[in-house]
Amino acid sequence: MKACYRALIAGFALVAFSEAGAHCVVGARFFPATLTIDDPCVADELALPTIASFKNSDNPSTRELDISAEFSKRITDNFGISVGTAWTQLSPSGDSRLHGFQNVEAAFQYQFLTRPASESVMSGALVVEFGHTGSSSVGAESFSAYTPTLYFGQGFGGLSDDMRMMRPLALTGQIGYSIPSKSSITSVDPDSGDATKELNPQFLTYGGSLQYSMPYLKSNVVDQGLPEFFNHLIPIFEFQLQTPVANYRGSGIGTTGSVSPGVIWVGKYFQVGLEAIIPVNRASGTGVGVIAQMHFYLDDLFPNGIGKPIFASNATPTRSPLGN
């Protein structure tokens, strides 16, 4: 459900070490699946459902409910494909509700850098939104969009002893460049016969997360003796933005996006996340919304079946058990 994206070719030249693992595990670091941006690893996972409720940028603002699903499958240890879509319901004030599916979206992702010692990971992807696969009544576009995207993750486990309480911190991020398949759409008024041309901008899409891993704190820094429930929590702050950079002159479009503070509870077979959705400006929406997600780790649930890469190496590292 969620989902947005960019520049990978230059990144491939940085390849120095590659050792992909189950979930997003890099050395002692586990990067959870984030809710509003994508994590930097390929994995066998299922996000079902992701539910978001917020007031969108319509004028007047309309309550929007999105229920989405995304399935991610590793083809090899380092290469995976994700496919997802969302069902949307719009509830305009004083009018009948509209509902339908958004366009289908797929990502073809390659994890090209994994450095366990420094808790660093990078991957590149081509994200494709397929036009005409959703309903125009809920805003699905009639054209496709292609977004080459670069992802990264960095843990801070290497900090010195005097900063050891900061070691559970980690950053993830993504930056992409979205290119529509059509530069513009021309529509004709059936009554007047007048033609109207609407530009389809190219966007820079970018986002990130700052997270503090309580499982990492207990396992790799110090056991604070907290109740076990708290040892599974990862407080997180996410943001996602998009800025038009080409083919938008005179359209009045500017930067839009949201920030999302929240928390993720991580178990052995699944994780549960809950975050707020706070628009960065009026063009992004009004008020505070909410997003929640149930996310399953297929590689732990079905390690010898659907959770295994189709073309796997002899030894694929696994995640340190967290238990449920």
C-alpha atoms as a PDB file:
ATOM      1  CA  MET A   1       0.000   0.000   0.000  1.00  0.00           C
ATOM      2  CA  LYS A   2       1.744   2.239   0.436  1.00  0.00           C
ATOM      3  CA  ALA A   3       4.485   2.760  -1.937  1.00  0.00           C
ATOM      4  CA  CYS A   4       6.980   5.879  -4.273  1.00  0.00           C
ATOM      5  CA  TYR A   5      10.715   5.972  -5.993  1.00  0.00           C
ATOM      6  CA  ARG A   6      15.072   6.333  -8.333  1.00  0.00           C
ATOM      7  CA  ALA A   7      18.999   6.507  -9.539  1.00  0.00           C
ATOM      8  CA  LEU A   8      20.633   3.100  -9.366  1.00  0.00           C
ATOM      9  CA  ILE A   9      23.129   2.659 -12.210  1.00  0.00           C
ATOM     10  CA  ALA A  10      25.864   4.717 -10.549  1.00  0.00           C
ATOM     11  CA  GLY A  11      25.275   2.799  -7.329  1.00  0.00           C
ATOM     12  CA  PHE A  12      26.060  -0.552  -8.939  1.00  0.00           C
ATOM     13  CA  ALA A  13      29.635   0.631  -9.405  1.00  0.00           C
ATOM     14  CA  LEU A  14      29.974   0.678  -5.611  1.00  0.00           C
ATOM     15  CA  VAL A  15      29.590  -3.086  -5.262  1.00  0.00           C
ATOM     16  CA  ALA A  16      32.205  -4.365  -2.859  1.00  0.00           C
ATOM     17  CA  PHE A  17      30.587  -7.081  -0.784  1.00  0.00           C
ATOM     18  CA  SER A  18      27.355  -9.008  -1.184  1.00  0.00           C
ATOM     19  CA  GLU A  19      25.749 -11.445   1.237  1.00  0.00           C
ATOM     20  CA  ALA A  20      21.974 -11.243   1.238  1.00  0.00           C
ATOM     21  CA  GLY A  21      20.010 -12.662   4.147  1.00  0.00           C
ATOM     22  CA  ALA A  22      16.505 -13.525   5.209  1.00  0.00           C
ATOM     23  CA  HIS A  23      14.453 -10.450   6.045  1.00  0.00           C
ATOM     24  CA  CYS A  24      16.628  -7.349   6.205  1.00  0.00           C
ATOM     25  CA  VAL A  25      19.467  -8.637   8.376  1.00  0.00           C
ATOM     26  CA  VAL A  26      22.905  -7.034   8.134  1.00  0.00           C
ATOM     27  CA  GLY A  27      25.328  -8.451  10.690  1.00  0.00           C
ATOM     28  CA  ALA A  28      23.725  -7.977  14.112  1.00  0.00           C
ATOM     29  CA  ARG A  29      21.263  -5.426  12.691  1.00  0.00           C
ATOM     30  CA  PHE A  30      17.672  -6.186  11.764  1.00  0.00           C
ATOM     31  CA  PHE A  31      15.944  -3.495   9.711  1.00  0.00           C
ATOM     32  CA  PRO A  32      12.151  -3.930  10.032  1.00  0.00           C
ATOM     33  CA  ALA A  33       9.770  -3.483   7.125  1.00  0.00           C
ATOM     34  CA  THR A  34       8.785   0.177   7.269  1.00  0.00           C
ATOM     35  CA  LEU A  35       5.205   1.331   6.678  1.00  0.00           C
ATOM     36  CA  THR A  36       5.400   4.407   4.431  1.00  0.00           C
ATOM     37  CA  ILE A  37       8.700   3.798   2.625  1.00  0.00           C
ATOM     38  CA  ASP A  38      10.368   0.558   1.514  1.00  0.00           C
ATOM     39  CA  ASP A  39      13.198  -1.163   3.383  1.00  0.00           C
ATOM     40  CA  PRO A  40      16.551  -1.647   1.597  1.00  0.00           C
ATOM     41  CA  CYS A  41      16.606  -5.465   1.384  1.00  0.00           C
ATOM     42  CA  VAL A  42      15.053  -8.124  -0.803  1.00  0.00           C
ATOM     43  CA  ALA A  43      13.003 -10.632   1.195  1.00  0.00           C
ATOM     44  CA  ASP A  44      10.173 -13.153   1.161  1.00  0.00           C
ATOM     45  CA  GLU A  45       7.413 -11.239   2.919  1.00  0.00           C
ATOM     46  CA  LEU A  46       3.697 -10.483   2.854  1.00  0.00           C
ATOM     47  CA  ALA A  47       2.198  -7.195   4.025  1.00  0.00           C
ATOM     48  CA  LEU A  48      -1.494  -7.985   4.598  1.00  0.00           C
ATOM     49  CA  PRO A  49      -3.244  -5.812   5.360  1.00  0.00           C
ATOM     50  CA  THR A  50      -1.921  -2.267   5.438  1.00  0.00           C
ATOM     51  CA  ILE A  51      -4.732   0.087   6.427  1.00  0.00           C
ATOM     52  CA  ALA A  52      -4.459   3.866   6.152  1.00  0.00           C
ATOM     53  CA  SER A  53      -7.135   6.450   7.004  1.00  0.00           C
ATOM     54  CA  PHE A  54      -6.624  10.183   6.436  1.00  0.00           C
ATOM     55  CA  LYS A  55      -8.081  13.331   4.887  1.00  0.00           C
ATOM     56  CA  ASN A  56      -6.624  13.893   1.429  1.00  0.00           C
ATOM     57  CA  SER A  57      -5.731  17.095  -0.427  1.00  0.00           C
ATOM     58  CA  ASP A  58      -9.078  17.534  -2.212  1.00  0.00           C
ATOM     59  CA  ASN A  59     -10.847  20.862  -1.746  1.00  0.00           C
ATOM     60  CA  PRO A  60     -12.823  20.348   0.423  1.00  0.00           C
ATOM     61  CA  SER A  61     -10.757  17.562   1.968  1.00  0.00           C
ATOM     62  CA  THR A  62     -12.186  14.046   1.639  1.00  0.00           C
ATOM     63  CA  ARG A  63     -11.806  11.164   4.079  1.00  0.00           C
ATOM     64  CA  GLU A  64      -9.814   8.410   2.338  1.00  0.00           C
ATOM     65  CA  LEU A  65      -9.477   4.797   3.413  1.00  0.00           C
ATOM     66  CA  ASP A  66      -6.802   2.631   1.768  1.00  0.00           C
ATOM     67  CA  ILE A  67      -6.529  -1.117   2.340  1.00  0.00           C
ATOM     68  CA  SER A  68      -3.538  -2.581   0.574  1.00  0.00           C
ATOM     69  CA  ALA A  69      -1.496  -5.759   0.208  1.00  0.00           C
ATOM     70  CA  GLU A  70       2.035  -6.418  -1.047  1.00  0.00           C
ATOM     71  CA  PHE A  71       3.772  -9.725  -1.761  1.00  0.00           C
ATOM     72  CA  SER A  72       7.580  -9.847  -2.005  1.00  0.00           C
ATOM     73  CA  LYS A  73       9.465 -12.857  -3.410  1.00  0.00           C
ATOM     74  CA  ARG A  74      13.174 -13.505  -3.736  1.00  0.00           C
ATOM     75  CA  ILE A  75      14.135 -14.972  -7.101  1.00  0.00           C
ATOM     76  CA  THR A  76      17.784 -15.319  -6.042  1.00  0.00           C
ATOM     77  CA  ASP A  77      19.485 -14.435  -2.752  1.00  0.00           C
ATOM     78  CA  ASN A  78      20.022 -10.874  -4.017  1.00  0.00           C
ATOM     79  CA  PHE A  79      17.190 -10.256  -6.494  1.00  0.00           C
ATOM     80  CA  GLY A  80      13.496 -10.045  -5.700  1.00  0.00           C
ATOM     81  CA  ILE A  81      10.151  -8.890  -7.051  1.00  0.00           C
ATOM     82  CA  SER A  82       7.321  -7.213  -5.142  1.00  0.00           C
ATOM     83  CA  VAL A  83       3.738  -6.799  -6.348  1.00  0.00           C
ATOM     84  CA  GLY A  84       0.990  -4.857  -4.638  1.00  0.00           C
ATOM     85  CA  THR A  85      -2.168  -2.824  -4.970  1.00  0.00           C
ATOM     86  CA  ALA A  86      -4.686  -0.991  -2.782  1.00  0.00           C
ATOM     87  CA  TRP A  87      -8.453  -0.728  -2.490  1.00  0.00           C
ATOM     88  CA  THR A  88      -9.556   2.857  -1.869  1.00  0.00           C
ATOM     89  CA  GLN A  89     -12.773   4.283  -0.470  1.00  0.00           C
ATOM     90  CA  LEU A  90     -13.471   8.031  -0.717  1.00  0.00           C
ATOM     91  CA  SER A  91     -16.125   9.550   1.554  1.00  0.00           C
ATOM     92  CA  PRO A  92     -16.800  13.117   0.403  1.00  0.00           C
ATOM     93  CA  SER A  93     -18.894  15.210   2.759  1.00  0.00           C
ATOM     94  CA  GLY A  94     -22.545  15.262   1.713  1.00  0.00           C
ATOM     95  CA  ASP A  95     -22.007  12.968  -1.266  1.00  0.00           C
ATOM     96  CA  SER A  96     -22.057   9.252  -1.998  1.00  0.00           C
ATOM     97  CA  ARG A  97     -18.966   7.154  -1.380  1.00  0.00           C
ATOM     98  CA  LEU A  98     -16.654   6.113  -4.190  1.00  0.00           C
ATOM     99  CA  HIS A  99     -14.513   2.997  -4.113  1.00  0.00           C
ATOM    100  CA  GLY A 100     -12.215   0.993  -6.345  1.00  0.00           C
ATOM    101  CA  PHE A 101      -8.686  -0.336  -6.760  1.00  0.00           C
ATOM    102  CA  GLN A 102      -5.566   1.699  -7.355  1.00  0.00           C
ATOM    103  CA  ASN A 103      -3.141   0.744 -10.130  1.00  0.00           C
ATOM    104  CA  VAL A 104      -1.045  -2.380  -9.662  1.00  0.00           C
ATOM    105  CA  GLU A 105       2.550  -1.617  -8.721  1.00  0.00           C
ATOM    106  CA  ALA A 106       5.629  -3.849  -9.016  1.00  0.00           C
ATOM    107  CA  ALA A 107       9.249  -3.438  -7.933  1.00  0.00           C
ATOM    108  CA  PHE A 108      12.246  -5.295  -9.367  1.00  0.00           C
ATOM    109  CA  GLN A 109      14.930  -4.963  -6.694  1.00  0.00           C
ATOM    110  CA  TYR A 110      18.599  -5.990  -6.517  1.00  0.00           C
ATOM    111  CA  GLN A 111      20.504  -5.892  -3.207  1.00  0.00           C
ATOM    112  CA  PHE A 112      24.023  -5.116  -4.362  1.00  0.00           C
ATOM    113  CA  LEU A 113      25.841  -4.110  -1.173  1.00  0.00           C
ATOM    114  CA  THR A 114      25.726  -5.886   2.208  1.00  0.00           C
ATOM    115  CA  ARG A 115      28.427  -5.193   4.813  1.00  0.00           C
ATOM    116  CA  PRO A 116      27.658  -6.975   8.096  1.00  0.00           C
ATOM    117  CA  ALA A 117      30.610  -5.490  10.012  1.00  0.00           C
ATOM    118  CA  SER A 118      29.434  -1.913   9.442  1.00  0.00           C
ATOM    119  CA  GLU A 119      25.695  -2.747   9.354  1.00  0.00           C
ATOM    120  CA  SER A 120      25.412  -1.185   5.888  1.00  0.00           C
ATOM    121  CA  VAL A 121      23.152  -2.227   3.022  1.00  0.00           C
ATOM    122  CA  MET A 122      22.174  -0.769  -0.360  1.00  0.00           C
ATOM    123  CA  SER A 123      19.888  -1.890  -3.155  1.00  0.00           C
ATOM    124  CA  GLY A 124      18.491  -0.564  -6.412  1.00  0.00           C
ATOM    125  CA  ALA A 125      15.097  -1.111  -7.988  1.00  0.00           C
ATOM    126  CA  LEU A 126      12.879  -0.244 -10.890  1.00  0.00           C
ATOM    127  CA  VAL A 127       9.395   0.467  -9.547  1.00  0.00           C
ATOM    128  CA  VAL A 128       6.593   0.345 -12.115  1.00  0.00           C
ATOM    129  CA  GLU A 129       3.024   1.558 -11.663  1.00  0.00           C
ATOM    130  CA  PHE A 130       0.910   0.026 -14.400  1.00  0.00           C
ATOM    131  CA  GLY A 131      -1.617   2.470 -15.823  1.00  0.00           C
ATOM    132  CA  HIS A 132      -5.205   1.427 -16.609  1.00  0.00           C
ATOM    133  CA  THR A 133      -5.098  -1.325 -13.958  1.00  0.00           C
ATOM    134  CA  GLY A 134      -7.075   0.672 -11.379  1.00  0.00           C
ATOM    135  CA  SER A 135     -10.238   2.740 -11.198  1.00  0.00           C
ATOM    136  CA  SER A 136     -10.190   6.382 -12.319  1.00  0.00           C
ATOM    137  CA  SER A 137     -13.021   7.113  -9.866  1.00  0.00           C
ATOM    138  CA  VAL A 138     -10.537   6.871  -6.979  1.00  0.00           C
ATOM    139  CA  GLY A 139      -7.682   8.631  -8.759  1.00  0.00           C
ATOM    140  CA  ALA A 140      -5.848   5.767 -10.482  1.00  0.00           C
ATOM    141  CA  GLU A 141      -3.939   7.198 -13.459  1.00  0.00           C
ATOM    142  CA  SER A 142      -4.476   6.119 -17.051  1.00  0.00           C
ATOM    143  CA  PHE A 143      -0.726   6.168 -17.719  1.00  0.00           C
ATOM    144  CA  SER A 144       2.154   4.153 -16.274  1.00  0.00           C
ATOM    145  CA  ALA A 145       5.054   5.519 -14.229  1.00  0.00           C
ATOM    146  CA  TYR A 146       8.623   4.202 -14.064  1.00  0.00           C
ATOM    147  CA  THR A 147      10.723   5.006 -10.994  1.00  0.00           C
ATOM    148  CA  PRO A 148      14.360   3.867 -10.725  1.00  0.00           C
ATOM    149  CA  THR A 149      15.111   3.964  -6.988  1.00  0.00           C
ATOM    150  CA  LEU A 150      18.127   3.697  -4.706  1.00  0.00           C
ATOM    151  CA  TYR A 151      17.676   2.364  -1.143  1.00  0.00           C
ATOM    152  CA  PHE A 152      20.087   2.308   1.809  1.00  0.00           C
ATOM    153  CA  GLY A 153      20.239   1.220   5.434  1.00  0.00           C
ATOM    154  CA  GLN A 154      22.833   2.081   8.069  1.00  0.00           C
ATOM    155  CA  GLY A 155      23.072   0.889  11.669  1.00  0.00           C
ATOM    156  CA  PHE A 156      25.106   2.604  14.386  1.00  0.00           C
ATOM    157  CA  GLY A 157      26.391  -0.476  16.187  1.00  0.00           C
ATOM    158  CA  GLY A 158      29.998   0.675  15.681  1.00  0.00           C
ATOM    159  CA  LEU A 159      29.716   3.681  17.997  1.00  0.00           C
ATOM    160  CA  SER A 160      32.216   3.917  20.873  1.00  0.00           C
ATOM    161  CA  ASP A 161      31.477   2.698  24.416  1.00  0.00           C
ATOM    162  CA  ASP A 162      30.695   6.172  25.693  1.00  0.00           C
ATOM    163  CA  MET A 163      27.899   6.333  23.103  1.00  0.00           C
ATOM    164  CA  ARG A 164      26.735   2.728  23.469  1.00  0.00           C
ATOM    165  CA  MET A 165      23.118   3.705  24.209  1.00  0.00           C
ATOM    166  CA  MET A 166      22.992   5.193  20.706  1.00  0.00           C
ATOM    167  CA  ARG A 167      24.029   1.919  19.047  1.00  0.00           C
ATOM    168  CA  PRO A 168      20.416   0.719  18.589  1.00  0.00           C
ATOM    169  CA  LEU A 169      19.815   3.696  16.258  1.00  0.00           C
ATOM    170  CA  ALA A 170      19.580   3.082  12.518  1.00  0.00           C
ATOM    171  CA  LEU A 171      18.727   5.049   9.390  1.00  0.00           C
ATOM    172  CA  THR A 172      17.077   3.869   6.195  1.00  0.00           C
ATOM    173  CA  GLY A 173      16.215   5.890   3.120  1.00  0.00           C
ATOM    174  CA  GLN A 174      15.290   5.927  -0.528  1.00  0.00           C
ATOM    175  CA  ILE A 175      15.519   8.321  -3.444  1.00  0.00           C
ATOM    176  CA  GLY A 176      13.960   7.868  -6.849  1.00  0.00           C
ATOM    177  CA  TYR A 177      12.990   9.628 -10.048  1.00  0.00           C
ATOM    178  CA  SER A 178       9.456   9.034 -11.337  1.00  0.00           C
ATOM    179  CA  ILE A 179       8.919   9.243 -15.099  1.00  0.00           C
ATOM    180  CA  PRO A 180       5.363   9.007 -16.515  1.00  0.00           C
ATOM    181  CA  SER A 181       4.792   7.052 -19.724  1.00  0.00           C
ATOM    182  CA  LYS A 182       2.893  10.054 -21.136  1.00  0.00           C
ATOM    183  CA  SER A 183       4.078  13.640 -20.762  1.00  0.00           C
ATOM    184  CA  SER A 184       0.525  14.999 -20.891  1.00  0.00           C
ATOM    185  CA  ILE A 185      -3.135  14.049 -21.240  1.00  0.00           C
ATOM    186  CA  THR A 186      -5.555  15.931 -23.493  1.00  0.00           C
ATOM    187  CA  SER A 187      -9.261  15.856 -22.736  1.00  0.00           C
ATOM    188  CA  VAL A 188     -12.127  17.325 -24.757  1.00  0.00           C
ATOM    189  CA  ASP A 189     -15.243  18.880 -23.242  1.00  0.00           C
ATOM    190  CA  PRO A 190     -18.172  17.019 -24.877  1.00  0.00           C
ATOM    191  CA  ASP A 191     -20.397  20.124 -24.747  1.00  0.00           C
ATOM    192  CA  SER A 192     -18.083  22.895 -25.902  1.00  0.00           C
ATOM    193  CA  GLY A 193     -15.555  20.825 -27.822  1.00  0.00           C
ATOM    194  CA  ASP A 194     -12.736  22.694 -26.057  1.00  0.00           C
ATOM    195  CA  ALA A 195      -9.527  20.715 -25.516  1.00  0.00           C
ATOM    196  CA  THR A 196      -7.639  20.841 -22.221  1.00  0.00           C
ATOM    197  CA  LYS A 197      -4.055  19.676 -21.846  1.00  0.00           C
ATOM    198  CA  GLU A 198      -2.873  18.430 -18.443  1.00  0.00           C
ATOM    199  CA  LEU A 199       0.846  17.955 -17.796  1.00  0.00           C
ATOM    200  CA  ASN A 200       2.160  14.802 -16.108  1.00  0.00           C
ATOM    201  CA  PRO A 201       5.205  15.956 -14.128  1.00  0.00           C
ATOM    202  CA  GLN A 202       8.373  14.016 -13.429  1.00  0.00           C
ATOM    203  CA  PHE A 203       8.978  13.748  -9.681  1.00  0.00           C
ATOM    204  CA  LEU A 204      11.906  13.349  -7.347  1.00  0.00           C
ATOM    205  CA  THR A 205      10.630  10.967  -4.662  1.00  0.00           C
ATOM    206  CA  TYR A 206      12.514  10.594  -1.420  1.00  0.00           C
ATOM    207  CA  GLY A 207      12.018   9.447   2.140  1.00  0.00           C
ATOM    208  CA  GLY A 208      13.673   7.958   5.164  1.00  0.00           C
ATOM    209  CA  SER A 209      13.313   6.520   8.643  1.00  0.00           C
ATOM    210  CA  LEU A 210      15.058   6.939  11.991  1.00  0.00           C
ATOM    211  CA  GLN A 211      14.557   3.921  14.232  1.00  0.00           C
ATOM    212  CA  TYR A 212      15.649   2.781  17.694  1.00  0.00           C
ATOM    213  CA  SER A 213      15.740  -1.007  18.082  1.00  0.00           C
ATOM    214  CA  MET A 214      14.910  -2.306  21.551  1.00  0.00           C
ATOM    215  CA  PRO A 215      15.765  -5.896  20.409  1.00  0.00           C
ATOM    216  CA  TYR A 216      19.231  -4.618  19.426  1.00  0.00           C
ATOM    217  CA  LEU A 217      19.590  -2.838  22.773  1.00  0.00           C
ATOM    218  CA  LYS A 218      18.901  -6.043  24.694  1.00  0.00           C
ATOM    219  CA  SER A 219      20.950  -8.400  22.501  1.00  0.00           C
ATOM    220  CA  ASN A 220      23.962  -6.226  21.627  1.00  0.00           C
ATOM    221  CA  VAL A 221      24.248  -3.393  24.170  1.00  0.00           C
ATOM    222  CA  VAL A 222      22.703  -4.035  27.594  1.00  0.00           C
ATOM    223  CA  ASP A 223      19.722  -5.934  28.987  1.00  0.00           C
ATOM    224  CA  GLN A 224      17.730  -3.346  30.934  1.00  0.00           C
ATOM    225  CA  GLY A 225      15.497  -5.961  32.517  1.00  0.00           C
ATOM    226  CA  LEU A 226      12.410  -4.575  30.793  1.00  0.00           C
ATOM    227  CA  PRO A 227       9.203  -6.601  30.334  1.00  0.00           C
ATOM    228  CA  GLU A 228       9.604  -8.807  27.262  1.00  0.00           C
ATOM    229  CA  PHE A 229       6.966  -6.884  25.305  1.00  0.00           C
ATOM    230  CA  PHE A 230       9.167  -3.753  25.308  1.00  0.00           C
ATOM    231  CA  ASN A 231      12.189  -5.742  24.101  1.00  0.00           C
ATOM    232  CA  HIS A 232      10.327  -6.321  20.805  1.00  0.00           C
ATOM    233  CA  LEU A 233       9.566  -2.653  20.089  1.00  0.00           C
ATOM    234  CA  ILE A 234      11.194  -0.389  17.522  1.00  0.00           C
ATOM    235  CA  PRO A 235      10.104   3.256  17.898  1.00  0.00           C
ATOM    236  CA  ILE A 236      10.345   4.859  14.459  1.00  0.00           C
ATOM    237  CA  PHE A 237       9.994   8.170  12.655  1.00  0.00           C
ATOM    238  CA  GLU A 238       9.374   8.055   8.898  1.00  0.00           C
ATOM    239  CA  PHE A 239       8.932  10.681   6.214  1.00  0.00           C
ATOM    240  CA  GLN A 240       8.112  10.536   2.513  1.00  0.00           C
ATOM    241  CA  LEU A 241       8.085  13.436   0.048  1.00  0.00           C
ATOM    242  CA  GLN A 242       7.856  14.098  -3.669  1.00  0.00           C
ATOM    243  CA  THR A 243       8.927  17.217  -5.555  1.00  0.00           C
ATOM    244  CA  PRO A 244       8.145  17.973  -9.223  1.00  0.00           C
ATOM    245  CA  VAL A 245      11.351  18.577 -11.168  1.00  0.00           C
ATOM    246  CA  ALA A 246      10.281  18.584 -14.833  1.00  0.00           C
ATOM    247  CA  ASN A 247       7.201  19.142 -17.008  1.00  0.00           C
ATOM    248  CA  TYR A 248       5.184  20.975 -14.348  1.00  0.00           C
ATOM    249  CA  ARG A 249       5.457  24.697 -15.190  1.00  0.00           C
ATOM    250  CA  GLY A 250       2.238  26.550 -14.492  1.00  0.00           C
ATOM    251  CA  SER A 251       0.542  23.545 -12.913  1.00  0.00           C
ATOM    252  CA  GLY A 252       0.790  24.929  -9.381  1.00  0.00           C
ATOM    253  CA  ILE A 253       2.183  21.607  -8.113  1.00  0.00           C
ATOM    254  CA  GLY A 254       4.789  21.746  -5.347  1.00  0.00           C
ATOM    255  CA  THR A 255       6.373  19.438  -2.803  1.00  0.00           C
ATOM    256  CA  THR A 256       3.935  17.139  -1.009  1.00  0.00           C
ATOM    257  CA  GLY A 257       4.302  14.360   1.526  1.00  0.00           C
ATOM    258  CA  SER A 258       3.934  13.351   5.151  1.00  0.00           C
ATOM    259  CA  VAL A 259       5.839  12.532   8.338  1.00  0.00           C
ATOM    260  CA  SER A 260       4.927   9.459  10.397  1.00  0.00           C
ATOM    261  CA  PRO A 261       6.007   8.852  14.000  1.00  0.00           C
ATOM    262  CA  GLY A 262       5.071   5.470  15.395  1.00  0.00           C
ATOM    263  CA  VAL A 263       6.223   2.088  16.642  1.00  0.00           C
ATOM    264  CA  ILE A 264       6.764  -1.439  15.297  1.00  0.00           C
ATOM    265  CA  TRP A 265       6.494  -4.636  17.355  1.00  0.00           C
ATOM    266  CA  VAL A 266       8.745  -7.370  15.965  1.00  0.00           C
ATOM    267  CA  GLY A 267       8.258 -11.101  16.478  1.00  0.00           C
ATOM    268  CA  LYS A 268       9.813 -14.195  14.926  1.00  0.00           C
ATOM    269  CA  TYR A 269       7.126 -14.774  12.299  1.00  0.00           C
ATOM    270  CA  PHE A 270       5.506 -11.368  11.915  1.00  0.00           C
ATOM    271  CA  GLN A 271       5.568  -7.724  12.881  1.00  0.00           C
ATOM    272  CA  VAL A 272       2.819  -5.200  13.649  1.00  0.00           C
ATOM    273  CA  GLY A 273       3.234  -1.478  13.006  1.00  0.00           C
ATOM    274  CA  LEU A 274       1.231   1.639  13.881  1.00  0.00           C
ATOM    275  CA  GLU A 275       2.072   5.198  12.820  1.00  0.00           C
ATOM    276  CA  ALA A 276       0.455   8.606  12.518  1.00  0.00           C
ATOM    277  CA  ILE A 277       0.204  10.314   9.114  1.00  0.00           C
ATOM    278  CA  ILE A 278       0.915  14.047   9.397  1.00  0.00           C
ATOM    279  CA  PRO A 279       0.746  16.006   6.096  1.00  0.00           C
ATOM    280  CA  VAL A 280       3.580  18.486   5.552  1.00  0.00           C
ATOM    281  CA  ASN A 281       1.290  21.105   3.948  1.00  0.00           C
ATOM    282  CA  ARG A 282      -2.293  21.706   2.774  1.00  0.00           C
ATOM    283  CA  ALA A 283      -1.482  20.275  -0.656  1.00  0.00           C
ATOM    284  CA  SER A 284      -0.703  16.973   1.104  1.00  0.00           C
ATOM    285  CA  GLY A 285      -3.908  16.727   3.136  1.00  0.00           C
ATOM    286  CA  THR A 286      -5.470  17.988   6.365  1.00  0.00           C
ATOM    287  CA  GLY A 287      -5.452  16.765   9.938  1.00  0.00           C
ATOM    288  CA  VAL A 288      -3.698  13.704  11.319  1.00  0.00           C
ATOM    289  CA  GLY A 289      -4.326  10.270   9.851  1.00  0.00           C
ATOM    290  CA  VAL A 290      -3.228   6.795  10.870  1.00  0.00           C
ATOM    291  CA  ILE A 291      -1.613   3.786   9.192  1.00  0.00           C
ATOM    292  CA  ALA A 292      -1.398   0.232  10.572  1.00  0.00           C
ATOM    293  CA  GLN A 293       0.181  -2.879   9.083  1.00  0.00           C
ATOM    294  CA  MET A 294       0.399  -6.631   9.656  1.00  0.00           C
ATOM    295  CA  HIS A 295       3.570  -7.978   8.046  1.00  0.00           C
ATOM    296  CA  PHE A 296       4.487 -11.680   7.781  1.00  0.00           C
ATOM    297  CA  TYR A 297       8.011 -13.123   7.385  1.00  0.00           C
ATOM    298  CA  LEU A 298       7.456 -15.903   4.865  1.00  0.00           C
ATOM    299  CA  ASP A 299      11.061 -17.120   5.106  1.00  0.00           C
ATOM    300  CA  ASP A 300      10.497 -18.015   8.783  1.00  0.00           C
ATOM    301  CA  LEU A 301       6.965 -19.314   8.297  1.00  0.00           C
ATOM    302  CA  PHE A 302       7.816 -21.461   5.254  1.00  0.00           C
ATOM    303  CA  PRO A 303      11.641 -21.822   5.161  1.00  0.00           C
ATOM    304  CA  ASN A 304      11.568 -24.783   2.787  1.00  0.00           C
ATOM    305  CA  GLY A 305       8.730 -23.553   0.597  1.00  0.00           C
ATOM    306  CA  ILE A 306       7.485 -20.161  -0.512  1.00  0.00           C
ATOM    307  CA  GLY A 307       9.889 -18.460   1.924  1.00  0.00           C
ATOM    308  CA  LYS A 308      12.965 -19.729   0.074  1.00  0.00           C
ATOM    309  CA  PRO A 309      14.535 -18.054  -2.993  1.00  0.00           C
ATOM    310  CA  ILE A 310      13.597 -19.821  -6.228  1.00  0.00           C
ATOM    311  CA  PHE A 311      17.297 -20.078  -7.101  1.00  0.00           C
ATOM    312  CA  ALA A 312      18.971 -20.160  -3.682  1.00  0.00           C
ATOM    313  CA  SER A 313      22.661 -20.484  -2.827  1.00  0.00           C
ATOM    314  CA  ASN A 314      23.762 -23.391  -0.667  1.00  0.00           C
ATOM    315  CA  ALA A 315      23.788 -21.261   2.487  1.00  0.00           C
ATOM    316  CA  THR A 316      21.480 -18.309   3.083  1.00  0.00           C
ATOM    317  CA  PRO A 317      22.035 -16.485   6.388  1.00  0.00           C
ATOM    318  CA  THR A 318      18.999 -16.164   8.638  1.00  0.00           C
ATOM    319  CA  ARG A 319      17.809 -13.589  11.138  1.00  0.00           C
ATOM    320  CA  SER A 320      18.648 -13.822  14.814  1.00  0.00           C
ATOM    321  CA  PRO A 321      15.521 -15.214  16.499  1.00  0.00           C
ATOM    322  CA  LEU A 322      13.408 -12.672  18.382  1.00  0.00           C
ATOM    323  CA  GLY A 323      10.667 -15.058  19.418  1.00  0.00           C
ATOM    324  CA  ASN A 324       6.958 -14.206  19.536  1.00  0.00           C
END
